[in-house]
Amino acid sequence: MKTLTKELWMDIPQRRQIVSIHEDDVEYLVDGSGEQNRLIRVTINKRVPGSARC
């Protein structure tokens, strides 16, 4: 199984901010892998209020 890791670094003006990552952004990042069958997992590095619903 091949794996590909990409990190998105963002400068945000506030300490906490919701950033929307759309399907097109994710597709752009993995298109260079050359794989046709893909499983994509997107994670966040910190839990902030409103970032995930439990």
PDB file of N, CA and C in Angstrom:
ATOM      1  N   MET A   1       0.835  -1.168   0.000  1.00  0.00           N
ATOM      2  CA  MET A   1       0.000   0.000   0.000  1.00  0.00           C
ATOM      3  C   MET A   1       0.888   1.243   0.000  1.00  0.00           C
ATOM      4  N   LYS A   2       0.616   2.141  -0.916  1.00  0.00           N
ATOM      5  CA  LYS A   2       1.340   3.408  -0.963  1.00  0.00           C
ATOM      6  C   LYS A   2       0.636   4.418  -0.063  1.00  0.00           C
ATOM      7  N   THR A   3       1.415   5.303   0.496  1.00  0.00           N
ATOM      8  CA  THR A   3       0.831   6.381   1.292  1.00  0.00           C
ATOM      9  C   THR A   3       1.399   7.711   0.817  1.00  0.00           C
ATOM     10  N   LEU A   4       0.637   8.748   1.011  1.00  0.00           N
ATOM     11  CA  LEU A   4       1.044  10.095   0.644  1.00  0.00           C
ATOM     12  C   LEU A   4       0.606  11.017   1.775  1.00  0.00           C
ATOM     13  N   THR A   5       1.521  11.806   2.283  1.00  0.00           N
ATOM     14  CA  THR A   5       1.197  12.746   3.350  1.00  0.00           C
ATOM     15  C   THR A   5       1.424  14.164   2.851  1.00  0.00           C
ATOM     16  N   LYS A   6       0.419  14.991   2.984  1.00  0.00           N
ATOM     17  CA  LYS A   6       0.523  16.403   2.618  1.00  0.00           C
ATOM     18  C   LYS A   6       0.055  17.226   3.803  1.00  0.00           C
ATOM     19  N   GLU A   7       0.748  18.286   4.082  1.00  0.00           N
ATOM     20  CA  GLU A   7       0.353  19.184   5.164  1.00  0.00           C
ATOM     21  C   GLU A   7      -0.023  20.531   4.582  1.00  0.00           C
ATOM     22  N   LEU A   8      -1.060  21.113   5.114  1.00  0.00           N
ATOM     23  CA  LEU A   8      -1.464  22.462   4.735  1.00  0.00           C
ATOM     24  C   LEU A   8      -1.072  23.406   5.862  1.00  0.00           C
ATOM     25  N   TRP A   9      -0.255  24.372   5.566  1.00  0.00           N
ATOM     26  CA  TRP A   9       0.130  25.383   6.547  1.00  0.00           C
ATOM     27  C   TRP A   9      -0.609  26.658   6.191  1.00  0.00           C
ATOM     28  N   MET A  10      -1.239  27.268   7.174  1.00  0.00           N
ATOM     29  CA  MET A  10      -2.031  28.464   6.942  1.00  0.00           C
ATOM     30  C   MET A  10      -1.690  29.527   7.964  1.00  0.00           C
ATOM     31  N   ASP A  11      -1.635  30.750   7.499  1.00  0.00           N
ATOM     32  CA  ASP A  11      -1.502  31.895   8.399  1.00  0.00           C
ATOM     33  C   ASP A  11      -2.894  32.480   8.584  1.00  0.00           C
ATOM     34  N   ILE A  12      -3.356  32.492   9.812  1.00  0.00           N
ATOM     35  CA  ILE A  12      -4.668  33.050  10.098  1.00  0.00           C
ATOM     36  C   ILE A  12      -4.496  34.236  11.042  1.00  0.00           C
ATOM     37  N   PRO A  13      -5.313  35.277  10.864  1.00  0.00           N
ATOM     38  CA  PRO A  13      -5.127  36.497  11.651  1.00  0.00           C
ATOM     39  C   PRO A  13      -5.505  36.359  13.124  1.00  0.00           C
ATOM     40  N   GLN A  14      -6.342  35.387  13.446  1.00  0.00           N
ATOM     41  CA  GLN A  14      -6.771  35.226  14.829  1.00  0.00           C
ATOM     42  C   GLN A  14      -6.181  33.942  15.400  1.00  0.00           C
ATOM     43  N   ARG A  15      -6.223  33.842  16.709  1.00  0.00           N
ATOM     44  CA  ARG A  15      -5.714  32.627  17.349  1.00  0.00           C
ATOM     45  C   ARG A  15      -6.542  31.409  16.955  1.00  0.00           C
ATOM     46  N   ARG A  16      -7.848  31.583  16.891  1.00  0.00           N
ATOM     47  CA  ARG A  16      -8.753  30.513  16.477  1.00  0.00           C
ATOM     48  C   ARG A  16      -9.602  31.003  15.319  1.00  0.00           C
ATOM     49  N   GLN A  17      -9.716  30.175  14.318  1.00  0.00           N
ATOM     50  CA  GLN A  17     -10.514  30.543  13.160  1.00  0.00           C
ATOM     51  C   GLN A  17     -10.925  29.271  12.437  1.00  0.00           C
ATOM     52  N   ILE A  18     -12.143  29.240  11.937  1.00  0.00           N
ATOM     53  CA  ILE A  18     -12.594  28.098  11.149  1.00  0.00           C
ATOM     54  C   ILE A  18     -12.137  28.302   9.713  1.00  0.00           C
ATOM     55  N   VAL A  19     -11.455  27.307   9.177  1.00  0.00           N
ATOM     56  CA  VAL A  19     -10.965  27.358   7.804  1.00  0.00           C
ATOM     57  C   VAL A  19     -11.654  26.243   7.036  1.00  0.00           C
ATOM     58  N   SER A  20     -12.285  26.595   5.937  1.00  0.00           N
ATOM     59  CA  SER A  20     -13.012  25.619   5.134  1.00  0.00           C
ATOM     60  C   SER A  20     -12.074  25.006   4.094  1.00  0.00           C
ATOM     61  N   ILE A  21     -11.961  23.688   4.112  1.00  0.00           N
ATOM     62  CA  ILE A  21     -11.167  22.972   3.117  1.00  0.00           C
ATOM     63  C   ILE A  21     -12.156  22.214   2.243  1.00  0.00           C
ATOM     64  N   HIS A  22     -12.204  22.560   0.967  1.00  0.00           N
ATOM     65  CA  HIS A  22     -13.189  21.995   0.056  1.00  0.00           C
ATOM     66  C   HIS A  22     -12.642  20.780  -0.683  1.00  0.00           C
ATOM     67  N   GLU A  23     -13.560  20.015  -1.252  1.00  0.00           N
ATOM     68  CA  GLU A  23     -13.203  18.800  -1.991  1.00  0.00           C
ATOM     69  C   GLU A  23     -12.190  19.100  -3.093  1.00  0.00           C
ATOM     70  N   ASP A  24     -12.353  20.216  -3.800  1.00  0.00           N
ATOM     71  CA  ASP A  24     -11.420  20.573  -4.874  1.00  0.00           C
ATOM     72  C   ASP A  24     -10.006  20.766  -4.345  1.00  0.00           C
ATOM     73  N   ASP A  25      -9.876  21.354  -3.165  1.00  0.00           N
ATOM     74  CA  ASP A  25      -8.556  21.562  -2.568  1.00  0.00           C
ATOM     75  C   ASP A  25      -7.882  20.230  -2.264  1.00  0.00           C
ATOM     76  N   VAL A  26      -8.653  19.287  -1.741  1.00  0.00           N
ATOM     77  CA  VAL A  26      -8.104  17.971  -1.405  1.00  0.00           C
ATOM     78  C   VAL A  26      -7.746  17.211  -2.676  1.00  0.00           C
ATOM     79  N   GLU A  27      -8.613  17.256  -3.689  1.00  0.00           N
ATOM     80  CA  GLU A  27      -8.319  16.577  -4.959  1.00  0.00           C
ATOM     81  C   GLU A  27      -7.033  17.108  -5.571  1.00  0.00           C
ATOM     82  N   TYR A  28      -6.832  18.407  -5.527  1.00  0.00           N
ATOM     83  CA  TYR A  28      -5.618  19.008  -6.077  1.00  0.00           C
ATOM     84  C   TYR A  28      -4.371  18.450  -5.391  1.00  0.00           C
ATOM     85  N   LEU A  29      -4.448  18.257  -4.087  1.00  0.00           N
ATOM     86  CA  LEU A  29      -3.294  17.765  -3.336  1.00  0.00           C
ATOM     87  C   LEU A  29      -2.954  16.315  -3.657  1.00  0.00           C
ATOM     88  N   VAL A  30      -3.950  15.487  -3.928  1.00  0.00           N
ATOM     89  CA  VAL A  30      -3.681  14.061  -4.152  1.00  0.00           C
ATOM     90  C   VAL A  30      -3.608  13.672  -5.627  1.00  0.00           C
ATOM     91  N   ASP A  31      -3.931  14.567  -6.539  1.00  0.00           N
ATOM     92  CA  ASP A  31      -3.868  14.243  -7.970  1.00  0.00           C
ATOM     93  C   ASP A  31      -2.472  13.834  -8.403  1.00  0.00           C
ATOM     94  N   GLY A  32      -1.457  14.362  -7.792  1.00  0.00           N
ATOM     95  CA  GLY A  32      -0.082  14.050  -8.159  1.00  0.00           C
ATOM     96  C   GLY A  32       0.381  12.672  -7.731  1.00  0.00           C
ATOM     97  N   SER A  33      -0.438  11.943  -6.995  1.00  0.00           N
ATOM     98  CA  SER A  33      -0.020  10.625  -6.504  1.00  0.00           C
ATOM     99  C   SER A  33      -0.002   9.574  -7.604  1.00  0.00           C
ATOM    100  N   GLY A  34      -0.774   9.765  -8.656  1.00  0.00           N
ATOM    101  CA  GLY A  34      -0.817   8.795  -9.742  1.00  0.00           C
ATOM    102  C   GLY A  34      -1.702   7.593  -9.463  1.00  0.00           C
ATOM    103  N   GLU A  35      -2.282   7.507  -8.297  1.00  0.00           N
ATOM    104  CA  GLU A  35      -3.156   6.386  -7.937  1.00  0.00           C
ATOM    105  C   GLU A  35      -4.581   6.669  -8.406  1.00  0.00           C
ATOM    106  N   GLN A  36      -5.264   5.622  -8.856  1.00  0.00           N
ATOM    107  CA  GLN A  36      -6.656   5.780  -9.283  1.00  0.00           C
ATOM    108  C   GLN A  36      -7.627   5.511  -8.142  1.00  0.00           C
ATOM    109  N   ASN A  37      -7.314   4.554  -7.289  1.00  0.00           N
ATOM    110  CA  ASN A  37      -8.165   4.243  -6.137  1.00  0.00           C
ATOM    111  C   ASN A  37      -7.565   4.909  -4.912  1.00  0.00           C
ATOM    112  N   ARG A  38      -8.354   5.777  -4.295  1.00  0.00           N
ATOM    113  CA  ARG A  38      -7.811   6.551  -3.178  1.00  0.00           C
ATOM    114  C   ARG A  38      -8.733   6.503  -1.976  1.00  0.00           C
ATOM    115  N   LEU A  39      -8.136   6.513  -0.819  1.00  0.00           N
ATOM    116  CA  LEU A  39      -8.843   6.695   0.440  1.00  0.00           C
ATOM    117  C   LEU A  39      -8.207   7.915   1.087  1.00  0.00           C
ATOM    118  N   ILE A  40      -9.005   8.935   1.329  1.00  0.00           N
ATOM    119  CA  ILE A  40      -8.475  10.198   1.835  1.00  0.00           C
ATOM    120  C   ILE A  40      -8.942  10.394   3.272  1.00  0.00           C
ATOM    121  N   ARG A  41      -8.000  10.720   4.126  1.00  0.00           N
ATOM    122  CA  ARG A  41      -8.313  11.008   5.527  1.00  0.00           C
ATOM    123  C   ARG A  41      -7.797  12.404   5.844  1.00  0.00           C
ATOM    124  N   VAL A  42      -8.685  13.243   6.294  1.00  0.00           N
ATOM    125  CA  VAL A  42      -8.321  14.611   6.657  1.00  0.00           C
ATOM    126  C   VAL A  42      -8.467  14.733   8.166  1.00  0.00           C
ATOM    127  N   THR A  43      -7.422  15.199   8.833  1.00  0.00           N
ATOM    128  CA  THR A  43      -7.462  15.373  10.280  1.00  0.00           C
ATOM    129  C   THR A  43      -7.064  16.799  10.640  1.00  0.00           C
ATOM    130  N   ILE A  44      -7.397  17.181  11.861  1.00  0.00           N
ATOM    131  CA  ILE A  44      -6.982  18.485  12.369  1.00  0.00           C
ATOM    132  C   ILE A  44      -5.992  18.259  13.496  1.00  0.00           C
ATOM    133  N   ASN A  45      -5.130  19.245  13.734  1.00  0.00           N
ATOM    134  CA  ASN A  45      -4.108  19.047  14.757  1.00  0.00           C
ATOM    135  C   ASN A  45      -4.584  19.398  16.161  1.00  0.00           C
ATOM    136  N   LYS A  46      -5.621  20.191  16.295  1.00  0.00           N
ATOM    137  CA  LYS A  46      -6.125  20.561  17.621  1.00  0.00           C
ATOM    138  C   LYS A  46      -7.639  20.599  17.589  1.00  0.00           C
ATOM    139  N   ARG A  47      -8.232  20.218  18.684  1.00  0.00           N
ATOM    140  CA  ARG A  47      -9.689  20.326  18.808  1.00  0.00           C
ATOM    141  C   ARG A  47     -10.032  21.691  19.391  1.00  0.00           C
ATOM    142  N   VAL A  48     -10.850  22.408  18.664  1.00  0.00           N
ATOM    143  CA  VAL A  48     -11.344  23.690  19.145  1.00  0.00           C
ATOM    144  C   VAL A  48     -12.870  23.632  19.125  1.00  0.00           C
ATOM    145  N   PRO A  49     -13.528  24.415  19.955  1.00  0.00           N
ATOM    146  CA  PRO A  49     -14.991  24.385  19.966  1.00  0.00           C
ATOM    147  C   PRO A  49     -15.558  24.638  18.572  1.00  0.00           C
ATOM    148  N   GLY A  50     -16.440  23.747  18.132  1.00  0.00           N
ATOM    149  CA  GLY A  50     -17.067  23.898  16.825  1.00  0.00           C
ATOM    150  C   GLY A  50     -16.329  23.221  15.694  1.00  0.00           C
ATOM    151  N   SER A  51     -15.148  22.655  15.942  1.00  0.00           N
ATOM    152  CA  SER A  51     -14.384  22.041  14.853  1.00  0.00           C
ATOM    153  C   SER A  51     -14.848  20.633  14.538  1.00  0.00           C
ATOM    154  N   ALA A  52     -15.446  19.946  15.490  1.00  0.00           N
ATOM    155  CA  ALA A  52     -15.912  18.575  15.266  1.00  0.00           C
ATOM    156  C   ALA A  52     -17.162  18.339  16.094  1.00  0.00           C
ATOM    157  N   ARG A  53     -18.068  17.600  15.515  1.00  0.00           N
ATOM    158  CA  ARG A  53     -19.292  17.265  16.241  1.00  0.00           C
ATOM    159  C   ARG A  53     -19.159  15.868  16.802  1.00  0.00           C
ATOM    160  N   CYS A  54     -19.410  15.714  18.076  1.00  0.00           N
ATOM    161  CA  CYS A  54     -19.297  14.401  18.723  1.00  0.00           C
ATOM    162  C   CYS A  54     -20.658  13.762  18.866  1.00  0.00           C
TER     163      CYS A  54
END
